[in-house]
């Protein structure tokens, strides 16, 4: 998700009396922030760009949904097995 989920970072926080005023920067993904950073080597940036180019958000979403559904089915089966064991006792 760090490649696709934009986040607004807090730049400044001022207290004026009892009121607090917060100032945020423009929303960017952590991936875009790394690419813009001068503290990160070009080698790391190139590696991240390669990884980013191989990602497909739609396919990732489908895979996550499939795995979540599998977990739900397994949980239902486990609960059913637990109930059957309780009935046998």
N, C-alpha and C. Protein backbone atom coordinates (compact mmCIF):
# COMPACT_ATOMS: atom_id res chain seq x y z
N UNK A 1 0.81 -1.20 0.00
CA UNK A 1 0.00 0.00 0.00
C UNK A 1 0.85 1.27 0.00
N UNK A 2 2.09 1.15 0.43
CA UNK A 2 2.94 2.34 0.46
C UNK A 2 3.19 2.91 -0.93
N UNK A 3 2.96 2.12 -1.95
CA UNK A 3 3.14 2.62 -3.30
C UNK A 3 1.91 3.40 -3.78
N UNK A 4 0.74 3.15 -3.20
CA UNK A 4 -0.49 3.68 -3.78
C UNK A 4 -1.32 4.56 -2.85
N UNK A 5 -1.12 4.49 -1.56
CA UNK A 5 -1.98 5.22 -0.61
C UNK A 5 -1.36 6.57 -0.24
N UNK A 6 -1.89 7.68 -0.77
CA UNK A 6 -1.32 8.98 -0.42
C UNK A 6 -1.62 9.37 1.03
N UNK A 7 -0.67 10.09 1.61
CA UNK A 7 -0.78 10.52 3.00
C UNK A 7 -0.37 11.99 3.10
N UNK A 8 -1.10 12.73 3.90
CA UNK A 8 -0.71 14.13 4.16
C UNK A 8 0.13 14.16 5.42
N UNK A 9 1.31 14.75 5.33
CA UNK A 9 2.21 14.84 6.48
C UNK A 9 2.03 16.18 7.17
N UNK A 10 2.09 16.15 8.49
CA UNK A 10 2.00 17.36 9.30
C UNK A 10 3.30 18.14 9.16
N UNK A 11 3.21 19.39 8.73
CA UNK A 11 4.39 20.24 8.57
C UNK A 11 4.62 21.07 9.82
N UNK A 12 3.53 21.64 10.32
CA UNK A 12 3.66 22.57 11.44
C UNK A 12 2.43 22.50 12.32
N UNK A 13 2.66 22.70 13.61
CA UNK A 13 1.57 22.68 14.59
C UNK A 13 1.79 23.87 15.52
N UNK A 14 0.85 24.82 15.52
CA UNK A 14 0.97 26.02 16.34
C UNK A 14 -0.15 26.06 17.38
N UNK A 15 0.23 26.47 18.55
CA UNK A 15 -0.76 26.67 19.60
C UNK A 15 -1.00 28.15 19.79
N UNK A 16 -2.23 28.58 19.57
CA UNK A 16 -2.61 29.97 19.79
C UNK A 16 -3.67 29.96 20.87
N UNK A 17 -3.23 30.24 22.08
CA UNK A 17 -4.14 30.13 23.22
C UNK A 17 -4.51 28.67 23.41
N UNK A 18 -5.79 28.38 23.44
CA UNK A 18 -6.24 27.00 23.60
C UNK A 18 -6.51 26.33 22.24
N UNK A 19 -6.33 27.11 21.17
CA UNK A 19 -6.59 26.60 19.83
C UNK A 19 -5.29 26.10 19.20
N UNK A 20 -5.36 24.94 18.52
CA UNK A 20 -4.20 24.39 17.84
C UNK A 20 -4.45 24.42 16.34
N UNK A 21 -3.52 25.00 15.62
CA UNK A 21 -3.62 25.09 14.17
C UNK A 21 -2.57 24.17 13.56
N UNK A 22 -3.02 23.27 12.68
CA UNK A 22 -2.12 22.32 12.03
C UNK A 22 -2.02 22.66 10.55
N UNK A 23 -0.80 22.54 10.05
CA UNK A 23 -0.58 22.79 8.63
C UNK A 23 0.02 21.53 8.01
N UNK A 24 -0.59 21.07 6.90
CA UNK A 24 -0.17 19.84 6.23
C UNK A 24 0.41 20.15 4.86
N UNK A 25 1.26 19.24 4.38
CA UNK A 25 1.76 19.37 3.02
C UNK A 25 0.80 18.69 2.05
N UNK A 26 1.17 18.67 0.79
CA UNK A 26 0.35 18.02 -0.24
C UNK A 26 0.43 16.51 -0.04
N UNK A 27 -0.69 15.82 -0.24
CA UNK A 27 -0.72 14.37 -0.07
C UNK A 27 0.14 13.69 -1.13
N UNK A 28 1.02 12.81 -0.66
CA UNK A 28 1.89 12.02 -1.54
C UNK A 28 1.99 10.61 -0.96
N UNK A 29 2.30 9.67 -1.82
CA UNK A 29 2.54 8.32 -1.33
C UNK A 29 3.94 8.26 -0.72
N UNK A 30 4.17 7.36 0.23
CA UNK A 30 5.52 7.20 0.76
C UNK A 30 6.53 6.91 -0.35
N UNK A 31 6.10 6.18 -1.38
CA UNK A 31 6.96 5.89 -2.52
C UNK A 31 7.41 7.19 -3.20
N UNK A 32 6.49 8.10 -3.45
CA UNK A 32 6.83 9.38 -4.09
C UNK A 32 7.73 10.22 -3.19
N UNK A 33 7.51 10.16 -1.88
CA UNK A 33 8.37 10.91 -0.95
C UNK A 33 9.81 10.40 -1.00
N UNK A 34 9.96 9.08 -1.09
CA UNK A 34 11.31 8.50 -1.17
C UNK A 34 12.00 8.93 -2.46
N UNK A 35 11.25 8.91 -3.57
CA UNK A 35 11.85 9.32 -4.84
C UNK A 35 12.28 10.79 -4.81
N UNK A 36 11.55 11.61 -4.06
CA UNK A 36 11.88 13.03 -3.99
C UNK A 36 12.97 13.33 -2.96
N UNK A 37 13.29 12.38 -2.11
CA UNK A 37 14.25 12.59 -1.04
C UNK A 37 15.69 12.59 -1.56
N UNK A 38 16.48 13.49 -1.05
CA UNK A 38 17.90 13.53 -1.43
C UNK A 38 18.73 12.61 -0.52
N UNK A 39 18.13 12.08 0.55
CA UNK A 39 18.84 11.21 1.48
C UNK A 39 18.92 9.76 0.99
N UNK A 40 18.14 9.42 -0.03
CA UNK A 40 18.09 8.06 -0.55
C UNK A 40 18.97 7.95 -1.79
N UNK A 41 19.76 6.89 -1.87
CA UNK A 41 20.67 6.72 -3.00
C UNK A 41 19.90 6.41 -4.28
N UNK A 42 20.51 6.73 -5.40
CA UNK A 42 19.89 6.46 -6.71
C UNK A 42 19.69 4.96 -6.91
N UNK A 43 20.58 4.16 -6.37
CA UNK A 43 20.47 2.71 -6.49
C UNK A 43 19.16 2.20 -5.86
N UNK A 44 18.87 2.69 -4.68
CA UNK A 44 17.63 2.30 -3.99
C UNK A 44 16.42 2.81 -4.75
N UNK A 45 16.49 4.03 -5.26
CA UNK A 45 15.37 4.59 -6.02
C UNK A 45 15.10 3.77 -7.28
N UNK A 46 16.14 3.35 -7.97
CA UNK A 46 15.97 2.55 -9.18
C UNK A 46 15.33 1.19 -8.83
N UNK A 47 15.79 0.60 -7.73
CA UNK A 47 15.22 -0.68 -7.29
C UNK A 47 13.73 -0.53 -6.98
N UNK A 48 13.36 0.55 -6.30
CA UNK A 48 11.95 0.80 -5.98
C UNK A 48 11.13 1.05 -7.23
N UNK A 49 11.71 1.77 -8.20
CA UNK A 49 10.99 2.03 -9.45
C UNK A 49 10.73 0.73 -10.21
N UNK A 50 11.69 -0.17 -10.22
CA UNK A 50 11.48 -1.47 -10.86
C UNK A 50 10.35 -2.23 -10.17
N UNK A 51 10.38 -2.23 -8.84
CA UNK A 51 9.34 -2.92 -8.08
C UNK A 51 7.98 -2.29 -8.36
N UNK A 52 7.92 -0.98 -8.38
CA UNK A 52 6.67 -0.25 -8.63
C UNK A 52 6.10 -0.60 -10.00
N UNK A 53 6.97 -0.67 -11.01
CA UNK A 53 6.53 -0.96 -12.37
C UNK A 53 5.98 -2.37 -12.51
N UNK A 54 6.35 -3.27 -11.63
CA UNK A 54 5.86 -4.64 -11.68
C UNK A 54 4.52 -4.82 -10.96
N UNK A 55 4.10 -3.83 -10.20
CA UNK A 55 2.87 -3.94 -9.40
C UNK A 55 1.63 -3.62 -10.23
N UNK A 56 0.56 -4.32 -9.93
CA UNK A 56 -0.73 -4.09 -10.55
C UNK A 56 -1.75 -3.95 -9.42
N UNK A 57 -2.18 -2.73 -9.09
CA UNK A 57 -3.08 -2.52 -7.95
C UNK A 57 -4.39 -3.31 -8.06
N UNK A 58 -4.94 -3.41 -9.26
CA UNK A 58 -6.20 -4.15 -9.42
C UNK A 58 -5.99 -5.63 -9.12
N UNK A 59 -4.91 -6.19 -9.61
CA UNK A 59 -4.62 -7.61 -9.35
C UNK A 59 -4.35 -7.83 -7.86
N UNK A 60 -3.64 -6.90 -7.23
CA UNK A 60 -3.36 -7.02 -5.80
C UNK A 60 -4.66 -7.01 -5.00
N UNK A 61 -5.58 -6.13 -5.38
CA UNK A 61 -6.87 -6.04 -4.69
C UNK A 61 -7.65 -7.35 -4.84
N UNK A 62 -7.65 -7.91 -6.05
CA UNK A 62 -8.35 -9.18 -6.27
C UNK A 62 -7.74 -10.29 -5.42
N UNK A 63 -6.43 -10.32 -5.34
CA UNK A 63 -5.75 -11.36 -4.55
C UNK A 63 -6.03 -11.20 -3.05
N UNK A 64 -6.03 -9.96 -2.58
CA UNK A 64 -6.34 -9.70 -1.16
C UNK A 64 -7.77 -10.15 -0.85
N UNK A 65 -8.71 -9.81 -1.73
CA UNK A 65 -10.11 -10.20 -1.53
C UNK A 65 -10.25 -11.71 -1.52
N UNK A 66 -9.57 -12.39 -2.45
CA UNK A 66 -9.63 -13.85 -2.51
C UNK A 66 -9.11 -14.47 -1.21
N UNK A 67 -8.00 -13.95 -0.71
CA UNK A 67 -7.42 -14.49 0.52
C UNK A 67 -8.30 -14.20 1.74
N UNK A 68 -8.92 -13.01 1.77
CA UNK A 68 -9.83 -12.68 2.87
C UNK A 68 -11.03 -13.63 2.87
N UNK A 69 -11.57 -13.90 1.69
CA UNK A 69 -12.70 -14.83 1.59
C UNK A 69 -12.30 -16.23 2.05
N UNK A 70 -11.10 -16.64 1.70
CA UNK A 70 -10.60 -17.95 2.12
C UNK A 70 -10.51 -18.01 3.65
N UNK A 71 -10.00 -16.94 4.26
CA UNK A 71 -9.91 -16.89 5.72
C UNK A 71 -11.30 -16.96 6.36
N UNK A 72 -12.25 -16.25 5.79
CA UNK A 72 -13.61 -16.28 6.33
C UNK A 72 -14.20 -17.69 6.24
N UNK A 73 -14.00 -18.37 5.10
CA UNK A 73 -14.50 -19.74 4.96
C UNK A 73 -13.85 -20.67 5.98
N UNK A 74 -12.54 -20.52 6.17
CA UNK A 74 -11.85 -21.37 7.15
C UNK A 74 -12.36 -21.12 8.56
N UNK A 75 -12.64 -19.86 8.87
CA UNK A 75 -13.16 -19.51 10.19
C UNK A 75 -14.54 -20.13 10.41
N UNK A 76 -15.38 -20.09 9.37
CA UNK A 76 -16.71 -20.70 9.48
C UNK A 76 -16.59 -22.20 9.69
N UNK A 77 -15.70 -22.85 8.95
CA UNK A 77 -15.50 -24.30 9.11
C UNK A 77 -15.00 -24.64 10.51
N UNK A 78 -14.10 -23.80 11.03
CA UNK A 78 -13.57 -24.03 12.38
C UNK A 78 -14.67 -23.90 13.42
N UNK A 79 -15.50 -22.88 13.29
CA UNK A 79 -16.60 -22.70 14.24
C UNK A 79 -17.57 -23.86 14.18
N UNK A 80 -17.84 -24.33 12.96
CA UNK A 80 -18.74 -25.47 12.79
C UNK A 80 -18.15 -26.72 13.44
N UNK A 81 -16.85 -26.95 13.26
CA UNK A 81 -16.19 -28.11 13.87
C UNK A 81 -16.21 -28.01 15.39
N UNK A 82 -15.99 -26.80 15.92
CA UNK A 82 -16.04 -26.59 17.37
C UNK A 82 -17.43 -26.90 17.92
N UNK A 83 -18.47 -26.48 17.20
CA UNK A 83 -19.85 -26.76 17.64
C UNK A 83 -20.12 -28.27 17.62
N UNK A 84 -19.64 -28.95 16.58
CA UNK A 84 -19.84 -30.40 16.49
C UNK A 84 -19.16 -31.11 17.64
N UNK A 85 -17.96 -30.65 18.02
CA UNK A 85 -17.23 -31.26 19.15
C UNK A 85 -18.00 -31.02 20.44
N UNK A 86 -18.54 -29.82 20.61
CA UNK A 86 -19.31 -29.51 21.82
C UNK A 86 -20.57 -30.37 21.91
N UNK A 87 -21.21 -30.65 20.78
CA UNK A 87 -22.42 -31.48 20.77
C UNK A 87 -22.09 -32.93 21.18
N UNK A 88 -20.91 -33.40 20.77
CA UNK A 88 -20.52 -34.78 21.07
C UNK A 88 -20.27 -34.98 22.56
N UNK A 89 -19.89 -33.93 23.25
CA UNK A 89 -19.59 -34.03 24.67
C UNK A 89 -20.83 -34.13 25.44
